[in-house]
Amino acid sequence: MHGGRFLEYAKTGKKFIDFSASINPYGLDSNLKKILTDSISTLEHYPNGDYSEINDIISKKHNVDIDDIYLGNGANSIIFRLFQTFKKGINICIPVPSFESYRLASESIDANLIYYNMPNLHISEDIFDILSDDIDILVLTNPNNPTGFIVENKLLHKIIKYCKQKDIFVLLDECFLEFVENGENYSMCNKLSTFENIAILRSLTKLYAFPGLRFGYLLTHNNTVMKKLKKLTPSWDINTLALEAAKYSLTQNMYSVIKSIQKEKTVLAHKLEDLGIVTFNSMANFLLCKYKKNLSKELLTYGIIVRDCSDFIGLDDTYFRVAVKTEAENKILVDTIHKILRG
């Protein structure tokens, strides 16, 4: 199960509003639409394998060395490829609940999974109890999906430092950090050269609203991992339109968009709470919600897709996740839930 199944549901001919995919609700930038339209003719040619221009933009954005940048066809594919740089049968620790692709990527290399059940859905000091010498990789998502919680900076630094001592490699997924106000204050990009045991995952497709194009990147100062990643990468891995979208997007100031989404999230959370829905204090652009019964299936009958969280380890079908959308769309969600609860 996953979010973002709008096209799948739309095949029925019924109209839907998709709250399951946590994408910028204001859609593609109009300038980017024009750039993509004007670039259609580039599809007649193979992509240029020289990514120097886009690598330079990423390097300046995060103040990292160009040699520490790895581009990929979406963050999801990078996770799989990163795990493939490690030998089969390793031990991977995943805090749960968490994004399902970590498990799937782990299974692709026959890894042994060790789950850390986060107390109160937060990472806390007791994570050190599970980080033994046997662990090879620790996956940390900051903010977490589906909770939207962020690991406090001091604790995060302590975990990574401890993992370095234990020779544990850390995949730090910061894909949703783009939606957090002043999100770069929570990033570990400035610690990249200090900790060669970390790789930081980023995605553009959510904030800039082009998940159908696929573009992500990984930052790591670990030369061994980087060399292996490049050996696993086929030619023309990123299509020409995705490259154009990335080059434009990486130079945009999204502060006002982020602020608007966060404002709408606060309003939406209050309205859901007023209906008796428990909402968790997410720092991202989505809300994990809980009610005393499953609302996901009933909402679907009204043409509203939410992310049923019953397949997340540690959650059940009383949990669902909603993306923050426009004021008008959020109102439809609230009004529909109100209608369902009234019976």
Protein backbone atom coordinates (compact mmCIF):
# COMPACT_ATOMS: atom_id res chain seq x y z
CA MET A 1 0.00 0.00 0.00
CA HIS A 2 1.22 3.52 -0.68
CA GLY A 3 -0.06 7.02 -1.23
CA GLY A 4 -0.30 8.75 -4.57
CA ARG A 5 -2.65 6.28 -6.29
CA PHE A 6 -4.81 9.01 -7.86
CA LEU A 7 -4.37 7.83 -11.45
CA GLU A 8 -5.24 4.28 -10.39
CA TYR A 9 -8.52 5.40 -8.79
CA ALA A 10 -9.28 7.88 -11.58
CA LYS A 11 -9.59 4.99 -14.06
CA THR A 12 -13.07 4.39 -12.65
CA GLY A 13 -14.20 7.72 -14.12
CA LYS A 14 -15.18 9.03 -10.69
CA LYS A 15 -13.76 12.32 -9.44
CA PHE A 16 -11.34 12.16 -6.52
CA ILE A 17 -9.35 14.52 -4.33
CA ASP A 18 -6.06 12.92 -3.38
CA PHE A 19 -4.97 13.61 0.20
CA SER A 20 -2.76 10.50 0.23
CA ALA A 21 0.22 11.99 -1.63
CA SER A 22 2.10 14.67 0.30
CA ILE A 23 2.78 16.99 -2.62
CA ASN A 24 2.82 20.79 -2.85
CA PRO A 25 -0.94 21.51 -3.24
CA TYR A 26 -0.36 24.56 -5.41
CA GLY A 27 0.98 22.39 -8.22
CA LEU A 28 3.62 22.96 -10.86
CA ASP A 29 5.14 26.42 -11.11
CA SER A 30 3.73 28.12 -14.24
CA ASN A 31 7.25 29.04 -15.36
CA LEU A 32 8.30 25.42 -14.98
CA LYS A 33 5.33 24.29 -17.07
CA LYS A 34 6.54 26.54 -19.88
CA ILE A 35 10.12 25.27 -19.53
CA LEU A 36 8.91 21.66 -19.75
CA THR A 37 6.69 22.43 -22.74
CA ASP A 38 9.55 24.19 -24.51
CA SER A 39 11.84 21.24 -23.72
CA ILE A 40 9.63 18.55 -25.27
CA SER A 41 11.86 18.37 -28.33
CA THR A 42 14.79 17.25 -26.15
CA LEU A 43 13.00 13.90 -25.77
CA GLU A 44 14.20 13.11 -29.28
CA HIS A 45 17.74 12.90 -27.92
CA TYR A 46 19.54 10.93 -25.22
CA PRO A 47 20.01 12.87 -21.97
CA ASN A 48 23.34 14.63 -21.53
CA GLY A 49 25.32 12.49 -19.09
CA ASP A 50 27.30 15.53 -17.93
CA TYR A 51 25.46 16.62 -14.79
CA SER A 52 27.99 19.33 -13.90
CA GLU A 53 25.47 22.19 -14.06
CA ILE A 54 22.96 20.61 -11.71
CA ASN A 55 25.69 19.25 -9.43
CA ASP A 56 27.05 22.77 -9.13
CA ILE A 57 23.62 24.09 -8.08
CA ILE A 58 23.22 21.35 -5.44
CA SER A 59 26.76 21.94 -4.21
CA LYS A 60 26.04 25.63 -3.61
CA LYS A 61 22.60 24.94 -2.09
CA HIS A 62 23.98 22.63 0.61
CA ASN A 63 27.60 23.84 0.70
CA VAL A 64 28.94 20.35 -0.09
CA ASP A 65 31.63 19.07 -2.44
CA ILE A 66 30.49 18.13 -5.94
CA ASP A 67 32.13 14.73 -5.45
CA ASP A 68 29.71 14.08 -2.57
CA ILE A 69 26.60 14.32 -4.79
CA TYR A 70 24.82 11.37 -6.37
CA LEU A 71 21.82 11.96 -8.64
CA GLY A 72 19.05 9.44 -9.06
CA ASN A 73 15.72 8.74 -10.72
CA GLY A 74 13.71 9.59 -7.60
CA ALA A 75 14.59 9.09 -3.93
CA ASN A 76 12.91 5.69 -3.88
CA SER A 77 15.25 4.19 -6.47
CA ILE A 78 18.25 5.67 -4.66
CA ILE A 79 17.30 3.81 -1.46
CA PHE A 80 17.33 0.50 -3.33
CA ARG A 81 20.60 1.29 -5.06
CA LEU A 82 22.29 2.47 -1.85
CA PHE A 83 21.44 -0.77 -0.05
CA GLN A 84 22.85 -2.70 -3.00
CA THR A 85 26.29 -1.22 -2.25
CA PHE A 86 26.33 -3.36 0.91
CA LYS A 87 26.74 -7.13 1.03
CA LYS A 88 23.72 -9.41 1.25
CA GLY A 89 22.47 -10.60 4.61
CA ILE A 90 23.46 -7.50 6.58
CA ASN A 91 21.49 -6.19 9.58
CA ILE A 92 19.39 -3.08 9.01
CA CYS A 93 17.64 -1.20 11.82
CA ILE A 94 14.48 0.71 10.94
CA PRO A 95 12.53 2.81 13.46
CA VAL A 96 8.82 2.15 13.00
CA PRO A 97 6.31 3.23 11.89
CA SER A 98 8.18 4.29 8.78
CA PHE A 99 8.23 4.49 4.98
CA GLU A 100 7.67 1.03 3.51
CA SER A 101 10.40 1.26 0.86
CA TYR A 102 13.13 0.85 3.48
CA ARG A 103 11.79 -2.63 4.22
CA LEU A 104 11.39 -3.49 0.55
CA ALA A 105 14.91 -2.28 -0.27
CA SER A 106 16.25 -4.28 2.68
CA GLU A 107 14.53 -7.40 1.43
CA SER A 108 16.07 -6.88 -2.02
CA ILE A 109 19.48 -7.66 -0.49
CA ASP A 110 18.16 -10.35 1.87
CA ALA A 111 18.96 -8.16 4.87
CA ASN A 112 17.90 -9.03 8.40
CA LEU A 113 15.48 -6.41 9.68
CA ILE A 114 15.63 -5.12 13.24
CA TYR A 115 12.70 -2.87 14.08
CA TYR A 116 12.94 -0.13 16.69
CA ASN A 117 9.42 0.59 17.95
CA MET A 118 9.49 4.29 18.74
CA PRO A 119 7.94 5.07 22.13
CA ASN A 120 5.04 7.51 21.63
CA LEU A 121 6.06 7.52 17.95
CA HIS A 122 9.21 9.51 18.78
CA ILE A 123 12.86 8.50 18.59
CA SER A 124 14.25 8.65 22.10
CA GLU A 125 17.37 7.71 24.06
CA ASP A 126 16.31 4.07 24.21
CA ILE A 127 17.36 3.69 20.58
CA PHE A 128 20.89 3.12 21.90
CA ASP A 129 19.69 -0.11 23.50
CA ILE A 130 19.13 -1.62 20.07
CA LEU A 131 22.20 -0.18 18.27
CA SER A 132 24.56 -3.08 18.88
CA ASP A 133 27.78 -3.95 17.02
CA ASP A 134 25.69 -6.29 14.87
CA ILE A 135 23.79 -3.45 13.18
CA ASP A 136 25.20 -2.47 9.76
CA ILE A 137 22.74 0.25 8.69
CA LEU A 138 20.41 2.53 10.63
CA VAL A 139 17.65 4.31 8.73
CA LEU A 140 16.47 7.65 10.13
CA THR A 141 13.73 9.70 8.50
CA ASN A 142 13.71 13.37 9.47
CA PRO A 143 10.87 14.36 9.47
CA ASN A 144 9.45 10.89 9.88
CA ASN A 145 6.83 9.55 7.52
CA PRO A 146 4.01 9.05 8.58
CA THR A 147 4.29 11.03 11.86
CA GLY A 148 5.98 14.22 10.68
CA PHE A 149 8.07 14.24 13.87
CA ILE A 150 11.65 15.56 13.84
CA VAL A 151 14.53 14.14 15.84
CA GLU A 152 15.86 16.80 18.18
CA ASN A 153 19.22 18.06 16.87
CA LYS A 154 21.24 17.17 19.96
CA LEU A 155 19.91 13.60 20.01
CA LEU A 156 20.39 13.19 16.25
CA HIS A 157 24.02 14.28 16.48
CA LYS A 158 24.54 11.92 19.41
CA ILE A 159 23.05 8.98 17.47
CA ILE A 160 25.21 9.60 14.40
CA LYS A 161 28.35 10.00 16.50
CA TYR A 162 27.56 6.77 18.35
CA CYS A 163 26.94 4.98 15.04
CA LYS A 164 30.32 6.15 13.76
CA GLN A 165 31.99 4.57 16.79
CA LYS A 166 30.06 1.33 16.19
CA ASP A 167 30.78 1.37 12.43
CA ILE A 168 27.06 1.70 11.63
CA PHE A 169 26.16 3.43 8.38
CA VAL A 170 23.24 5.88 8.67
CA LEU A 171 20.79 6.64 5.89
CA LEU A 172 19.27 9.99 6.85
CA ASP A 173 16.17 10.64 4.78
CA GLU A 174 15.52 14.40 4.72
CA CYS A 175 13.05 14.36 1.81
CA PHE A 176 10.26 16.09 3.76
CA LEU A 177 12.61 18.62 5.40
CA GLU A 178 11.93 20.90 2.43
CA PHE A 179 8.42 21.53 3.81
CA VAL A 180 9.58 22.47 7.32
CA GLU A 181 9.90 26.17 8.10
CA ASN A 182 13.64 26.93 8.38
CA GLY A 183 14.11 23.23 7.65
CA GLU A 184 17.82 23.53 6.85
CA ASN A 185 18.42 24.26 10.54
CA TYR A 186 17.54 20.61 11.17
CA SER A 187 19.66 19.22 8.33
CA MET A 188 22.91 17.30 8.81
CA CYS A 189 24.33 18.48 5.48
CA ASN A 190 26.84 20.66 7.32
CA LYS A 191 28.16 17.54 9.09
CA LEU A 192 28.74 15.55 5.90
CA SER A 193 32.55 15.81 5.91
CA THR A 194 32.68 15.11 9.67
CA PHE A 195 30.70 11.87 9.46
CA GLU A 196 31.62 9.59 6.58
CA ASN A 197 29.13 7.07 7.97
CA ILE A 198 26.09 9.06 6.80
CA ALA A 199 24.24 9.52 3.53
CA ILE A 200 21.55 12.20 3.26
CA LEU A 201 18.61 11.61 0.93
CA ARG A 202 16.76 14.48 -0.73
CA SER A 203 13.90 14.74 -3.21
CA LEU A 204 12.58 17.62 -5.31
CA THR A 205 9.43 15.99 -6.63
CA LYS A 206 7.24 16.66 -3.59
CA LEU A 207 7.85 20.35 -2.91
CA TYR A 208 8.01 21.26 -6.58
CA ALA A 209 5.05 19.03 -7.48
CA PHE A 210 6.46 16.80 -10.21
CA PRO A 211 6.44 13.26 -8.73
CA GLY A 212 5.66 11.88 -12.18
CA LEU A 213 9.07 13.01 -13.46
CA ARG A 214 11.19 11.47 -10.65
CA PHE A 215 14.31 13.23 -9.37
CA GLY A 216 16.25 12.83 -6.15
CA TYR A 217 19.80 12.99 -4.89
CA LEU A 218 22.03 11.55 -2.21
CA LEU A 219 24.82 13.34 -0.36
CA THR A 220 27.65 11.39 1.22
CA HIS A 221 31.35 11.93 1.91
CA ASN A 222 31.87 8.16 1.96
CA ASN A 223 34.08 7.56 -1.05
CA THR A 224 33.63 3.77 -0.97
CA VAL A 225 29.83 4.00 -1.07
CA MET A 226 29.94 6.69 -3.78
CA LYS A 227 32.17 4.59 -6.05
CA LYS A 228 29.88 1.58 -5.67
CA LEU A 229 26.80 3.69 -6.39
CA LYS A 230 28.30 4.97 -9.63
CA LYS A 231 29.19 1.44 -10.72
CA LEU A 232 25.55 0.44 -10.21
CA THR A 233 24.23 3.37 -12.25
CA PRO A 234 23.35 2.84 -15.93
CA SER A 235 23.83 5.53 -18.56
CA TRP A 236 20.98 8.00 -19.11
CA ASP A 237 19.49 7.30 -15.68
CA ILE A 238 17.72 10.68 -15.50
CA ASN A 239 15.47 11.84 -18.30
CA THR A 240 15.87 15.23 -19.98
CA LEU A 241 12.66 16.75 -18.63
CA ALA A 242 13.51 15.76 -15.05
CA LEU A 243 16.88 17.47 -15.44
CA GLU A 244 15.24 20.65 -16.72
CA ALA A 245 12.73 20.58 -13.85
CA ALA A 246 15.49 20.05 -11.29
CA LYS A 247 17.71 22.83 -12.65
CA TYR A 248 14.86 25.33 -12.45
CA SER A 249 13.46 24.20 -9.10
CA LEU A 250 16.75 24.18 -7.21
CA THR A 251 17.14 27.91 -7.82
CA GLN A 252 13.66 28.88 -6.54
CA ASN A 253 12.86 30.46 -3.19
CA MET A 254 9.95 28.46 -1.77
CA TYR A 255 9.64 30.29 1.56
CA SER A 256 6.18 31.77 0.91
CA VAL A 257 4.83 28.43 -0.35
CA ILE A 258 6.15 26.58 2.70
CA LYS A 259 4.72 29.23 5.03
CA SER A 260 1.32 29.00 3.35
CA ILE A 261 1.25 25.19 3.60
CA GLN A 262 2.21 25.34 7.28
CA LYS A 263 -0.52 27.91 7.94
CA GLU A 264 -3.13 25.69 6.25
CA LYS A 265 -1.86 22.71 8.24
CA THR A 266 -2.49 24.50 11.54
CA VAL A 267 -6.05 25.41 10.50
CA LEU A 268 -6.73 21.88 9.24
CA ALA A 269 -5.41 20.28 12.44
CA HIS A 270 -7.66 22.46 14.60
CA LYS A 271 -10.74 21.67 12.51
CA LEU A 272 -10.06 17.94 12.61
CA GLU A 273 -9.50 18.07 16.37
CA ASP A 274 -12.86 19.84 16.74
CA LEU A 275 -14.46 16.79 15.08
CA GLY A 276 -12.85 14.44 17.58
CA ILE A 277 -9.99 13.37 15.30
CA VAL A 278 -6.64 13.04 17.07
CA THR A 279 -3.90 14.75 15.06
CA PHE A 280 -0.18 14.41 15.71
CA ASN A 281 2.05 17.47 15.80
CA SER A 282 3.70 17.05 12.40
CA MET A 283 6.45 19.42 11.28
CA ALA A 284 5.99 18.36 7.64
CA ASN A 285 3.21 18.99 5.10
CA PHE A 286 0.96 16.17 6.25
CA LEU A 287 -0.92 15.09 9.36
CA LEU A 288 -1.10 11.67 10.94
CA CYS A 289 -4.63 11.27 12.29
CA LYS A 290 -6.45 8.76 14.48
CA TYR A 291 -10.12 8.09 15.09
CA LYS A 292 -11.94 5.34 16.97
CA LYS A 293 -12.88 3.60 13.70
CA ASN A 294 -11.58 3.32 10.13
CA LEU A 295 -12.50 6.43 8.15
CA SER A 296 -10.33 5.73 5.10
CA LYS A 297 -12.80 3.41 3.37
CA GLU A 298 -15.80 5.65 4.01
CA LEU A 299 -13.96 8.72 2.73
CA LEU A 300 -13.14 6.85 -0.47
CA THR A 301 -16.86 6.41 -1.18
CA TYR A 302 -17.11 10.22 -1.09
CA GLY A 303 -14.26 10.61 -3.58
CA ILE A 304 -11.57 11.45 -1.02
CA ILE A 305 -8.35 9.45 -0.95
CA VAL A 306 -6.42 9.45 2.32
CA ARG A 307 -3.47 7.27 3.25
CA ASP A 308 -4.79 4.28 5.19
CA CYS A 309 -1.99 3.62 7.70
CA SER A 310 -2.96 0.09 8.66
CA ASP A 311 0.09 -1.36 6.88
CA PHE A 312 2.57 0.73 8.88
CA ILE A 313 4.20 -1.35 11.61
CA GLY A 314 2.87 -0.13 14.96
CA LEU A 315 -0.29 1.45 13.53
CA ASP A 316 -3.72 0.04 12.64
CA ASP A 317 -6.71 0.99 10.50
CA THR A 318 -7.84 3.69 12.92
CA TYR A 319 -4.85 5.76 11.73
CA PHE A 320 -4.79 7.68 8.47
CA ARG A 321 -2.52 10.34 6.99
CA VAL A 322 -3.68 13.40 5.09
CA ALA A 323 -1.61 15.78 3.01
CA VAL A 324 -2.20 19.48 3.56
CA LYS A 325 -3.92 20.80 0.46
CA THR A 326 -5.51 24.12 -0.50
CA GLU A 327 -7.97 25.87 1.82
CA ALA A 328 -10.91 24.85 -0.40
CA GLU A 329 -9.85 21.21 -0.60
CA ASN A 330 -9.14 21.01 3.13
CA LYS A 331 -12.65 22.34 3.76
CA ILE A 332 -14.12 19.55 1.62
CA LEU A 333 -12.19 16.98 3.68
CA VAL A 334 -13.41 18.43 6.99
CA ASP A 335 -17.01 18.77 5.80
CA THR A 336 -17.02 15.20 4.49
CA ILE A 337 -15.66 13.77 7.74
CA HIS A 338 -18.29 15.80 9.61
CA LYS A 339 -20.98 14.28 7.38
CA ILE A 340 -19.66 10.75 7.98
CA LEU A 341 -19.50 11.20 11.74
CA ARG A 342 -23.04 12.56 11.88
CA GLY A 343 -24.14 9.27 10.31
